């Protein structure tokens, strides 16, 4: 793959309804109270809806509810490519992920998790790459 595939607006709208981003969060309690924080060992949560094309869903995601209907074990991992902002600016969009989910997984995949600690770049440094895990319903 030498560039991020394009996705038509209608197809994006359809897939956004079917396949949701999930992020791992854990409840952290301190002397000042409790709050949810991103945590690689936490539970899977759906996040607040955002603009699927223009906002990086990994930047300050807000958990909405646990993803209890999702099998907690991914059935597949894929390498996804993302717009290259700068060496330290990894800004994946939901549209970029949905455009790269293989056709054979559409209908099975109900959620995805994009790893932010596994970011590389293409050979010419024009895109970031990372592992995206695909999840199915329990």
C-alpha atoms as a PDB file:
ATOM      1  CA  UNK A   1       0.000   0.000   0.000  1.00  0.00           C
ATOM      2  CA  UNK A   2       1.543   3.309  -0.988  1.00  0.00           C
ATOM      3  CA  UNK A   3      -1.166   5.694   0.208  1.00  0.00           C
ATOM      4  CA  UNK A   4      -4.221   5.793   2.415  1.00  0.00           C
ATOM      5  CA  UNK A   5      -7.258   4.616   0.446  1.00  0.00           C
ATOM      6  CA  UNK A   6     -10.018   7.126  -0.248  1.00  0.00           C
ATOM      7  CA  UNK A   7     -13.470   6.482   1.201  1.00  0.00           C
ATOM      8  CA  UNK A   8     -16.674   7.933  -0.223  1.00  0.00           C
ATOM      9  CA  UNK A   9     -18.780  10.103   2.094  1.00  0.00           C
ATOM     10  CA  UNK A  10     -21.772   7.725   1.898  1.00  0.00           C
ATOM     11  CA  UNK A  11     -19.601   4.672   2.629  1.00  0.00           C
ATOM     12  CA  UNK A  12     -17.941   6.462   5.551  1.00  0.00           C
ATOM     13  CA  UNK A  13     -21.342   7.361   7.034  1.00  0.00           C
ATOM     14  CA  UNK A  14     -22.444   3.730   6.709  1.00  0.00           C
ATOM     15  CA  UNK A  15     -19.293   2.307   8.319  1.00  0.00           C
ATOM     16  CA  UNK A  16     -19.298   4.874  11.154  1.00  0.00           C
ATOM     17  CA  UNK A  17     -22.669   3.442  12.213  1.00  0.00           C
ATOM     18  CA  UNK A  18     -21.387  -0.159  12.089  1.00  0.00           C
ATOM     19  CA  UNK A  19     -17.776   0.005  13.335  1.00  0.00           C
ATOM     20  CA  UNK A  20     -16.765   2.055  16.387  1.00  0.00           C
ATOM     21  CA  UNK A  21     -13.417   3.095  17.833  1.00  0.00           C
ATOM     22  CA  UNK A  22     -12.643   1.738  21.291  1.00  0.00           C
ATOM     23  CA  UNK A  23      -9.970   2.902  23.727  1.00  0.00           C
ATOM     24  CA  UNK A  24      -8.643   1.312  26.920  1.00  0.00           C
ATOM     25  CA  UNK A  25      -9.419   3.217  30.125  1.00  0.00           C
ATOM     26  CA  UNK A  26      -8.963   2.511  33.822  1.00  0.00           C
ATOM     27  CA  UNK A  27     -10.535   4.224  36.801  1.00  0.00           C
ATOM     28  CA  UNK A  28      -7.873   6.053  38.796  1.00  0.00           C
ATOM     29  CA  UNK A  29      -8.601   7.101  42.368  1.00  0.00           C
ATOM     30  CA  UNK A  30      -6.585   9.757  44.149  1.00  0.00           C
ATOM     31  CA  UNK A  31      -7.118  11.828  47.257  1.00  0.00           C
ATOM     32  CA  UNK A  32      -8.991  14.319  45.058  1.00  0.00           C
ATOM     33  CA  UNK A  33     -11.443  11.751  43.697  1.00  0.00           C
ATOM     34  CA  UNK A  34     -11.783   9.311  40.819  1.00  0.00           C
ATOM     35  CA  UNK A  35     -11.460   9.774  37.087  1.00  0.00           C
ATOM     36  CA  UNK A  36     -11.051   7.694  33.957  1.00  0.00           C
ATOM     37  CA  UNK A  37      -7.642   7.728  32.283  1.00  0.00           C
ATOM     38  CA  UNK A  38      -6.296   6.077  29.146  1.00  0.00           C
ATOM     39  CA  UNK A  39      -4.447   2.966  30.214  1.00  0.00           C
ATOM     40  CA  UNK A  40      -3.029   0.194  28.015  1.00  0.00           C
ATOM     41  CA  UNK A  41      -4.081  -2.372  30.633  1.00  0.00           C
ATOM     42  CA  UNK A  42      -7.566  -0.925  31.122  1.00  0.00           C
ATOM     43  CA  UNK A  43     -10.966  -2.044  29.913  1.00  0.00           C
ATOM     44  CA  UNK A  44     -12.314  -1.310  26.444  1.00  0.00           C
ATOM     45  CA  UNK A  45     -14.633   1.705  26.196  1.00  0.00           C
ATOM     46  CA  UNK A  46     -16.554   3.297  23.389  1.00  0.00           C
ATOM     47  CA  UNK A  47     -15.744   6.991  23.087  1.00  0.00           C
ATOM     48  CA  UNK A  48     -17.745  10.135  22.455  1.00  0.00           C
ATOM     49  CA  UNK A  49     -18.537  10.670  18.763  1.00  0.00           C
ATOM     50  CA  UNK A  50     -16.240  13.054  16.915  1.00  0.00           C
ATOM     51  CA  UNK A  51     -15.768  14.233  13.343  1.00  0.00           C
ATOM     52  CA  UNK A  52     -14.531  11.036  11.650  1.00  0.00           C
ATOM     53  CA  UNK A  53     -12.375  12.816   9.053  1.00  0.00           C
ATOM     54  CA  UNK A  54     -10.869  15.862  10.717  1.00  0.00           C
ATOM     55  CA  UNK A  55     -10.240  14.917  14.347  1.00  0.00           C
ATOM     56  CA  UNK A  56      -7.692  12.485  15.766  1.00  0.00           C
ATOM     57  CA  UNK A  57      -9.809  10.109  17.847  1.00  0.00           C
ATOM     58  CA  UNK A  58      -6.829   9.178  20.037  1.00  0.00           C
ATOM     59  CA  UNK A  59      -6.345  12.743  21.279  1.00  0.00           C
ATOM     60  CA  UNK A  60      -8.190  13.193  24.574  1.00  0.00           C
ATOM     61  CA  UNK A  61     -10.910  10.615  23.877  1.00  0.00           C
ATOM     62  CA  UNK A  62     -13.856  10.732  26.259  1.00  0.00           C
ATOM     63  CA  UNK A  63     -15.190   7.335  27.370  1.00  0.00           C
ATOM     64  CA  UNK A  64     -18.960   6.906  27.128  1.00  0.00           C
ATOM     65  CA  UNK A  65     -19.558   3.294  28.206  1.00  0.00           C
ATOM     66  CA  UNK A  66     -17.786  -0.042  28.460  1.00  0.00           C
ATOM     67  CA  UNK A  67     -17.698  -2.092  25.290  1.00  0.00           C
ATOM     68  CA  UNK A  68     -19.258  -5.096  27.044  1.00  0.00           C
ATOM     69  CA  UNK A  69     -20.853  -6.463  23.858  1.00  0.00           C
ATOM     70  CA  UNK A  70     -17.446  -6.637  22.161  1.00  0.00           C
ATOM     71  CA  UNK A  71     -15.263  -9.732  22.490  1.00  0.00           C
ATOM     72  CA  UNK A  72     -12.274  -8.400  24.499  1.00  0.00           C
ATOM     73  CA  UNK A  73      -9.846 -10.427  22.378  1.00  0.00           C
ATOM     74  CA  UNK A  74      -9.177  -9.003  18.915  1.00  0.00           C
ATOM     75  CA  UNK A  75      -9.725 -11.498  16.128  1.00  0.00           C
ATOM     76  CA  UNK A  76      -7.229  -9.791  13.826  1.00  0.00           C
ATOM     77  CA  UNK A  77      -4.561  -7.079  13.705  1.00  0.00           C
ATOM     78  CA  UNK A  78      -3.777  -4.994  10.645  1.00  0.00           C
ATOM     79  CA  UNK A  79      -1.158  -2.350   9.916  1.00  0.00           C
ATOM     80  CA  UNK A  80      -2.783   0.984   9.120  1.00  0.00           C
ATOM     81  CA  UNK A  81      -1.311   4.110   7.555  1.00  0.00           C
ATOM     82  CA  UNK A  82      -2.058   7.624   8.803  1.00  0.00           C
ATOM     83  CA  UNK A  83      -1.463  11.185   7.712  1.00  0.00           C
ATOM     84  CA  UNK A  84       2.027  12.282   8.643  1.00  0.00           C
ATOM     85  CA  UNK A  85       2.008  15.483  10.667  1.00  0.00           C
ATOM     86  CA  UNK A  86       5.495  15.430  12.135  1.00  0.00           C
ATOM     87  CA  UNK A  87       7.670  12.849  13.855  1.00  0.00           C
ATOM     88  CA  UNK A  88       5.770  13.266  17.120  1.00  0.00           C
ATOM     89  CA  UNK A  89       2.288  14.159  15.815  1.00  0.00           C
ATOM     90  CA  UNK A  90       0.391  10.920  15.325  1.00  0.00           C
ATOM     91  CA  UNK A  91      -3.155  11.907  14.436  1.00  0.00           C
ATOM     92  CA  UNK A  92      -5.197   8.972  13.180  1.00  0.00           C
ATOM     93  CA  UNK A  93      -8.735   9.641  12.019  1.00  0.00           C
ATOM     94  CA  UNK A  94     -11.640   7.233  12.115  1.00  0.00           C
ATOM     95  CA  UNK A  95     -12.005   7.636   8.340  1.00  0.00           C
ATOM     96  CA  UNK A  96      -8.392   6.535   7.780  1.00  0.00           C
ATOM     97  CA  UNK A  97      -9.003   3.357   9.783  1.00  0.00           C
ATOM     98  CA  UNK A  98     -12.362   2.529   8.189  1.00  0.00           C
ATOM     99  CA  UNK A  99     -10.903   2.983   4.693  1.00  0.00           C
ATOM    100  CA  UNK A 100      -8.249   0.355   5.489  1.00  0.00           C
ATOM    101  CA  UNK A 101     -10.356  -2.394   7.063  1.00  0.00           C
ATOM    102  CA  UNK A 102     -10.290  -5.275   4.565  1.00  0.00           C
ATOM    103  CA  UNK A 103     -13.542  -5.987   2.723  1.00  0.00           C
ATOM    104  CA  UNK A 104     -13.660  -9.500   4.158  1.00  0.00           C
ATOM    105  CA  UNK A 105     -13.868  -8.013   7.677  1.00  0.00           C
ATOM    106  CA  UNK A 106     -16.801  -5.681   6.964  1.00  0.00           C
ATOM    107  CA  UNK A 107     -19.803  -7.242   8.651  1.00  0.00           C
ATOM    108  CA  UNK A 108     -17.672  -9.081  11.206  1.00  0.00           C
ATOM    109  CA  UNK A 109     -15.737  -6.145  12.676  1.00  0.00           C
ATOM    110  CA  UNK A 110     -17.784  -4.016  15.103  1.00  0.00           C
ATOM    111  CA  UNK A 111     -14.956  -2.096  16.790  1.00  0.00           C
ATOM    112  CA  UNK A 112     -11.277  -1.234  16.401  1.00  0.00           C
ATOM    113  CA  UNK A 113      -8.447  -0.192  18.694  1.00  0.00           C
ATOM    114  CA  UNK A 114      -5.491   1.716  17.286  1.00  0.00           C
ATOM    115  CA  UNK A 115      -2.252   1.406  19.227  1.00  0.00           C
ATOM    116  CA  UNK A 116      -0.525   4.684  19.914  1.00  0.00           C
ATOM    117  CA  UNK A 117       2.667   3.181  21.342  1.00  0.00           C
ATOM    118  CA  UNK A 118       3.525   1.363  18.099  1.00  0.00           C
ATOM    119  CA  UNK A 119       4.012   4.159  15.614  1.00  0.00           C
ATOM    120  CA  UNK A 120       6.406   3.824  12.710  1.00  0.00           C
ATOM    121  CA  UNK A 121       6.621   5.460   9.329  1.00  0.00           C
ATOM    122  CA  UNK A 122       6.660   4.374   5.725  1.00  0.00           C
ATOM    123  CA  UNK A 123       9.993   4.042   3.945  1.00  0.00           C
ATOM    124  CA  UNK A 124       9.729   7.595   2.610  1.00  0.00           C
ATOM    125  CA  UNK A 125       8.330   9.035   5.900  1.00  0.00           C
ATOM    126  CA  UNK A 126       5.185  10.296   4.183  1.00  0.00           C
ATOM    127  CA  UNK A 127       2.833   8.350   6.502  1.00  0.00           C
ATOM    128  CA  UNK A 128       2.773   7.008  10.036  1.00  0.00           C
ATOM    129  CA  UNK A 129       2.003   3.321  10.444  1.00  0.00           C
ATOM    130  CA  UNK A 130       0.623   1.467  13.434  1.00  0.00           C
ATOM    131  CA  UNK A 131      -1.157  -1.683  14.538  1.00  0.00           C
ATOM    132  CA  UNK A 132      -4.946  -1.566  14.554  1.00  0.00           C
ATOM    133  CA  UNK A 133      -6.804  -4.390  16.263  1.00  0.00           C
ATOM    134  CA  UNK A 134     -10.176  -5.531  14.966  1.00  0.00           C
ATOM    135  CA  UNK A 135     -12.898  -6.768  17.324  1.00  0.00           C
ATOM    136  CA  UNK A 136     -16.101  -8.703  16.816  1.00  0.00           C
ATOM    137  CA  UNK A 137     -19.304  -9.022  18.808  1.00  0.00           C
ATOM    138  CA  UNK A 138     -19.347 -11.545  21.687  1.00  0.00           C
END
